[in-house]
Amino acid sequence: MEAFIIVLTTFGSKEEAQKVTDKLLKARLIACANIIDKVDSFFHWQGKIENEQEAIAILKTQKKHLDELFEWIQTHHSYSVPEILALPIVRGSSDYLAWIKEETS
């Protein structure tokens, strides 16, 4: 299972999340993206506690794409310090994981 990962990243708007994930899909760096709009985010930033509404993208891919995916998001993201977190998929249906592999190979 360590060959598959979920990457989480937040965006300032649903539109930005859609634009970035569309390009990631076309580049075959991800097999799927779920976008959840209007997530309330609370965080420390430049000495203050901030509260913003963001869109979060949940990206499914293979671990072999991780470096390129991180670099791509960092280069094309509007935030100076984007949230990009990779989580291992511990278990998944064999059919779904085979589909991720096929779409990102």
N, C-alpha and C. Protein backbone atom coordinates (compact mmCIF):
# COMPACT_ATOMS: atom_id res chain seq x y z
N MET A 1 0.80 -1.20 0.00
CA MET A 1 0.00 0.00 0.00
C MET A 1 0.85 1.27 0.00
N GLU A 2 2.11 1.19 0.40
CA GLU A 2 2.91 2.41 0.50
C GLU A 2 3.14 3.09 -0.84
N ALA A 3 2.74 2.45 -1.92
CA ALA A 3 2.92 3.04 -3.24
C ALA A 3 1.88 4.13 -3.53
N PHE A 4 0.84 4.22 -2.71
CA PHE A 4 -0.25 5.16 -2.95
C PHE A 4 -0.34 6.18 -1.83
N ILE A 5 -0.69 7.42 -2.19
CA ILE A 5 -0.77 8.50 -1.21
C ILE A 5 -1.97 9.39 -1.47
N ILE A 6 -2.33 10.13 -0.44
CA ILE A 6 -3.30 11.22 -0.53
C ILE A 6 -2.54 12.50 -0.21
N VAL A 7 -2.72 13.51 -1.03
CA VAL A 7 -2.08 14.80 -0.79
C VAL A 7 -3.19 15.81 -0.52
N LEU A 8 -3.03 16.55 0.58
CA LEU A 8 -3.98 17.59 0.94
C LEU A 8 -3.34 18.95 0.68
N THR A 9 -4.10 19.84 0.09
CA THR A 9 -3.63 21.22 -0.12
C THR A 9 -4.83 22.16 -0.09
N THR A 10 -4.63 23.34 0.45
CA THR A 10 -5.72 24.31 0.52
C THR A 10 -5.45 25.45 -0.46
N PHE A 11 -6.54 26.09 -0.87
CA PHE A 11 -6.50 27.20 -1.81
C PHE A 11 -7.37 28.33 -1.31
N GLY A 12 -7.12 29.52 -1.80
CA GLY A 12 -7.90 30.69 -1.42
C GLY A 12 -9.31 30.70 -1.98
N SER A 13 -9.56 29.87 -3.01
CA SER A 13 -10.89 29.82 -3.61
C SER A 13 -11.11 28.46 -4.28
N LYS A 14 -12.37 28.13 -4.46
CA LYS A 14 -12.73 26.91 -5.17
C LYS A 14 -12.24 26.97 -6.61
N GLU A 15 -12.32 28.15 -7.21
CA GLU A 15 -11.91 28.31 -8.60
C GLU A 15 -10.41 28.01 -8.78
N GLU A 16 -9.60 28.50 -7.84
CA GLU A 16 -8.16 28.22 -7.92
C GLU A 16 -7.91 26.72 -7.75
N ALA A 17 -8.61 26.10 -6.81
CA ALA A 17 -8.47 24.66 -6.60
C ALA A 17 -8.83 23.89 -7.86
N GLN A 18 -9.92 24.28 -8.52
CA GLN A 18 -10.34 23.61 -9.75
C GLN A 18 -9.32 23.80 -10.86
N LYS A 19 -8.79 24.99 -10.98
CA LYS A 19 -7.80 25.28 -12.03
C LYS A 19 -6.54 24.43 -11.84
N VAL A 20 -6.04 24.39 -10.62
CA VAL A 20 -4.83 23.63 -10.34
C VAL A 20 -5.07 22.13 -10.51
N THR A 21 -6.17 21.61 -9.96
CA THR A 21 -6.42 20.17 -10.07
C THR A 21 -6.67 19.75 -11.52
N ASP A 22 -7.28 20.61 -12.30
CA ASP A 22 -7.48 20.29 -13.72
C ASP A 22 -6.13 20.09 -14.41
N LYS A 23 -5.18 20.97 -14.12
CA LYS A 23 -3.85 20.85 -14.73
C LYS A 23 -3.11 19.61 -14.21
N LEU A 24 -3.29 19.29 -12.93
CA LEU A 24 -2.65 18.09 -12.37
C LEU A 24 -3.23 16.82 -13.00
N LEU A 25 -4.54 16.82 -13.25
CA LEU A 25 -5.17 15.68 -13.93
C LEU A 25 -4.65 15.54 -15.35
N LYS A 26 -4.57 16.65 -16.07
CA LYS A 26 -4.08 16.60 -17.45
C LYS A 26 -2.63 16.14 -17.52
N ALA A 27 -1.83 16.47 -16.51
CA ALA A 27 -0.43 16.05 -16.46
C ALA A 27 -0.28 14.62 -15.93
N ARG A 28 -1.41 14.00 -15.53
CA ARG A 28 -1.42 12.63 -14.99
C ARG A 28 -0.63 12.51 -13.69
N LEU A 29 -0.52 13.62 -12.96
CA LEU A 29 0.15 13.56 -11.66
C LEU A 29 -0.80 13.09 -10.56
N ILE A 30 -2.11 13.19 -10.82
CA ILE A 30 -3.12 12.69 -9.89
C ILE A 30 -4.17 11.92 -10.68
N ALA A 31 -4.84 10.99 -9.99
CA ALA A 31 -5.93 10.25 -10.63
C ALA A 31 -7.28 10.88 -10.32
N CYS A 32 -7.35 11.56 -9.18
CA CYS A 32 -8.63 12.07 -8.70
C CYS A 32 -8.39 13.23 -7.76
N ALA A 33 -9.33 14.16 -7.74
CA ALA A 33 -9.31 15.27 -6.78
C ALA A 33 -10.71 15.49 -6.26
N ASN A 34 -10.81 15.62 -4.96
CA ASN A 34 -12.06 16.05 -4.33
C ASN A 34 -11.81 17.45 -3.81
N ILE A 35 -12.73 18.36 -4.09
CA ILE A 35 -12.59 19.74 -3.63
C ILE A 35 -13.75 20.05 -2.68
N ILE A 36 -13.39 20.48 -1.49
CA ILE A 36 -14.38 20.88 -0.49
C ILE A 36 -14.26 22.38 -0.33
N ASP A 37 -15.32 23.09 -0.65
CA ASP A 37 -15.30 24.55 -0.61
C ASP A 37 -15.74 25.06 0.76
N LYS A 38 -15.31 26.27 1.07
CA LYS A 38 -15.70 27.00 2.27
C LYS A 38 -15.35 26.28 3.56
N VAL A 39 -14.10 25.82 3.62
CA VAL A 39 -13.55 25.25 4.84
C VAL A 39 -13.07 26.40 5.71
N ASP A 40 -13.46 26.43 6.97
CA ASP A 40 -12.97 27.46 7.89
C ASP A 40 -11.59 27.05 8.38
N SER A 41 -10.59 27.86 8.07
CA SER A 41 -9.22 27.59 8.47
C SER A 41 -8.77 28.61 9.51
N PHE A 42 -8.17 28.12 10.56
CA PHE A 42 -7.64 28.96 11.63
C PHE A 42 -6.15 28.65 11.74
N PHE A 43 -5.31 29.71 11.76
CA PHE A 43 -3.87 29.47 11.73
C PHE A 43 -3.10 30.69 12.21
N HIS A 44 -1.87 30.45 12.62
CA HIS A 44 -0.93 31.53 12.94
C HIS A 44 -0.29 31.99 11.63
N TRP A 45 -0.23 33.30 11.42
CA TRP A 45 0.45 33.82 10.24
C TRP A 45 1.00 35.20 10.57
N GLN A 46 2.30 35.33 10.43
CA GLN A 46 3.01 36.59 10.63
C GLN A 46 2.64 37.24 11.96
N GLY A 47 2.67 36.43 13.04
CA GLY A 47 2.47 36.94 14.38
C GLY A 47 1.03 37.13 14.82
N LYS A 48 0.07 36.76 13.96
CA LYS A 48 -1.35 36.90 14.31
C LYS A 48 -2.08 35.59 14.10
N ILE A 49 -3.19 35.44 14.79
CA ILE A 49 -4.07 34.31 14.52
C ILE A 49 -5.06 34.75 13.46
N GLU A 50 -5.12 33.99 12.38
CA GLU A 50 -5.97 34.32 11.24
C GLU A 50 -7.12 33.32 11.12
N ASN A 51 -8.17 33.75 10.44
CA ASN A 51 -9.33 32.90 10.15
C ASN A 51 -9.76 33.22 8.73
N GLU A 52 -9.68 32.24 7.85
CA GLU A 52 -10.03 32.45 6.43
C GLU A 52 -10.90 31.29 5.95
N GLN A 53 -11.71 31.55 4.96
CA GLN A 53 -12.40 30.46 4.27
C GLN A 53 -11.54 30.04 3.09
N GLU A 54 -11.35 28.74 2.97
CA GLU A 54 -10.52 28.20 1.91
C GLU A 54 -11.25 27.02 1.26
N ALA A 55 -10.67 26.53 0.19
CA ALA A 55 -11.10 25.28 -0.44
C ALA A 55 -9.97 24.29 -0.23
N ILE A 56 -10.32 23.08 0.14
CA ILE A 56 -9.30 22.05 0.33
C ILE A 56 -9.43 21.02 -0.78
N ALA A 57 -8.29 20.65 -1.34
CA ALA A 57 -8.26 19.61 -2.37
C ALA A 57 -7.63 18.36 -1.78
N ILE A 58 -8.31 17.25 -2.01
CA ILE A 58 -7.83 15.93 -1.59
C ILE A 58 -7.43 15.21 -2.87
N LEU A 59 -6.13 14.98 -3.03
CA LEU A 59 -5.58 14.44 -4.27
C LEU A 59 -5.12 13.01 -4.06
N LYS A 60 -5.48 12.11 -4.98
CA LYS A 60 -5.05 10.72 -4.90
C LYS A 60 -4.06 10.42 -6.02
N THR A 61 -2.92 9.79 -5.64
CA THR A 61 -1.88 9.53 -6.62
C THR A 61 -0.96 8.42 -6.13
N GLN A 62 0.09 8.19 -6.90
CA GLN A 62 1.14 7.25 -6.51
C GLN A 62 2.29 8.01 -5.86
N LYS A 63 2.94 7.36 -4.92
CA LYS A 63 4.05 7.99 -4.21
C LYS A 63 5.17 8.41 -5.17
N LYS A 64 5.34 7.69 -6.26
CA LYS A 64 6.42 8.02 -7.20
C LYS A 64 6.27 9.42 -7.80
N HIS A 65 5.08 10.00 -7.74
CA HIS A 65 4.83 11.34 -8.29
C HIS A 65 4.98 12.44 -7.24
N LEU A 66 5.30 12.08 -6.01
CA LEU A 66 5.25 13.04 -4.91
C LEU A 66 6.15 14.25 -5.12
N ASP A 67 7.40 14.05 -5.47
CA ASP A 67 8.32 15.19 -5.64
C ASP A 67 7.84 16.14 -6.74
N GLU A 68 7.46 15.57 -7.87
CA GLU A 68 6.98 16.41 -8.98
C GLU A 68 5.68 17.12 -8.61
N LEU A 69 4.79 16.43 -7.90
CA LEU A 69 3.53 17.02 -7.47
C LEU A 69 3.77 18.18 -6.51
N PHE A 70 4.64 17.99 -5.51
CA PHE A 70 4.96 19.06 -4.58
C PHE A 70 5.53 20.26 -5.32
N GLU A 71 6.49 20.01 -6.20
CA GLU A 71 7.12 21.10 -6.95
C GLU A 71 6.09 21.84 -7.80
N TRP A 72 5.22 21.09 -8.46
CA TRP A 72 4.22 21.70 -9.32
C TRP A 72 3.27 22.58 -8.52
N ILE A 73 2.79 22.07 -7.39
CA ILE A 73 1.87 22.86 -6.57
C ILE A 73 2.56 24.11 -6.05
N GLN A 74 3.78 23.97 -5.53
CA GLN A 74 4.50 25.13 -5.01
C GLN A 74 4.72 26.19 -6.08
N THR A 75 4.99 25.78 -7.29
CA THR A 75 5.25 26.71 -8.39
C THR A 75 3.98 27.44 -8.85
N HIS A 76 2.83 26.75 -8.83
CA HIS A 76 1.61 27.31 -9.40
C HIS A 76 0.59 27.80 -8.36
N HIS A 77 0.93 27.72 -7.10
CA HIS A 77 0.00 28.10 -6.03
C HIS A 77 0.08 29.60 -5.77
N SER A 78 -1.04 30.19 -5.40
CA SER A 78 -1.05 31.63 -5.12
C SER A 78 -0.49 31.96 -3.74
N TYR A 79 -0.43 31.00 -2.83
CA TYR A 79 0.11 31.26 -1.49
C TYR A 79 1.63 31.22 -1.52
N SER A 80 2.26 32.06 -0.71
CA SER A 80 3.72 32.01 -0.61
C SER A 80 4.18 30.78 0.16
N VAL A 81 3.35 30.28 1.07
CA VAL A 81 3.64 29.05 1.82
C VAL A 81 2.39 28.16 1.75
N PRO A 82 2.22 27.43 0.65
CA PRO A 82 1.03 26.59 0.55
C PRO A 82 1.10 25.37 1.46
N GLU A 83 -0.05 24.97 1.95
CA GLU A 83 -0.15 23.72 2.70
C GLU A 83 -0.12 22.58 1.69
N ILE A 84 0.85 21.69 1.83
CA ILE A 84 0.93 20.50 0.99
C ILE A 84 1.34 19.36 1.92
N LEU A 85 0.43 18.46 2.19
CA LEU A 85 0.69 17.35 3.11
C LEU A 85 0.43 16.04 2.39
N ALA A 86 1.36 15.12 2.51
CA ALA A 86 1.21 13.79 1.90
C ALA A 86 0.94 12.77 3.01
N LEU A 87 -0.09 11.97 2.80
CA LEU A 87 -0.48 10.95 3.76
C LEU A 87 -0.47 9.59 3.07
N PRO A 88 0.07 8.56 3.72
CA PRO A 88 0.07 7.24 3.09
C PRO A 88 -1.34 6.64 3.10
N ILE A 89 -1.64 5.91 2.08
CA ILE A 89 -2.86 5.12 2.06
C ILE A 89 -2.50 3.77 2.67
N VAL A 90 -3.04 3.49 3.83
CA VAL A 90 -2.72 2.27 4.55
C VAL A 90 -3.42 1.06 3.94
N ARG A 91 -4.62 1.29 3.48
CA ARG A 91 -5.40 0.21 2.85
C ARG A 91 -6.43 0.83 1.93
N GLY A 92 -6.74 0.14 0.85
CA GLY A 92 -7.77 0.60 -0.07
C GLY A 92 -8.26 -0.57 -0.89
N SER A 93 -9.40 -0.39 -1.54
CA SER A 93 -9.90 -1.48 -2.38
C SER A 93 -8.93 -1.71 -3.54
N SER A 94 -8.71 -2.97 -3.84
CA SER A 94 -7.74 -3.29 -4.90
C SER A 94 -8.15 -2.70 -6.24
N ASP A 95 -9.43 -2.68 -6.53
CA ASP A 95 -9.91 -2.10 -7.79
C ASP A 95 -9.62 -0.60 -7.86
N TYR A 96 -9.85 0.11 -6.75
CA TYR A 96 -9.63 1.55 -6.73
C TYR A 96 -8.14 1.87 -6.85
N LEU A 97 -7.32 1.14 -6.13
CA LEU A 97 -5.87 1.37 -6.20
C LEU A 97 -5.32 1.04 -7.58
N ALA A 98 -5.87 0.00 -8.21
CA ALA A 98 -5.46 -0.33 -9.58
C ALA A 98 -5.84 0.80 -10.52
N TRP A 99 -6.98 1.41 -10.30
CA TRP A 99 -7.42 2.54 -11.11
C TRP A 99 -6.48 3.73 -10.94
N ILE A 100 -6.10 4.05 -9.69
CA ILE A 100 -5.14 5.14 -9.45
C ILE A 100 -3.85 4.86 -10.22
N LYS A 101 -3.36 3.63 -10.11
CA LYS A 101 -2.11 3.27 -10.79
C LYS A 101 -2.23 3.44 -12.29
N GLU A 102 -3.34 2.98 -12.85
CA GLU A 102 -3.55 3.09 -14.30
C GLU A 102 -3.61 4.54 -14.76
N GLU A 103 -4.29 5.39 -13.99
CA GLU A 103 -4.47 6.78 -14.40
C GLU A 103 -3.25 7.65 -14.19
N THR A 104 -2.30 7.20 -13.39
CA THR A 104 -1.12 8.02 -13.10
C THR A 104 0.17 7.36 -13.54
N SER A 105 0.07 6.39 -14.43
CA SER A 105 1.27 5.71 -14.93
C SER A 105 1.79 6.36 -16.19
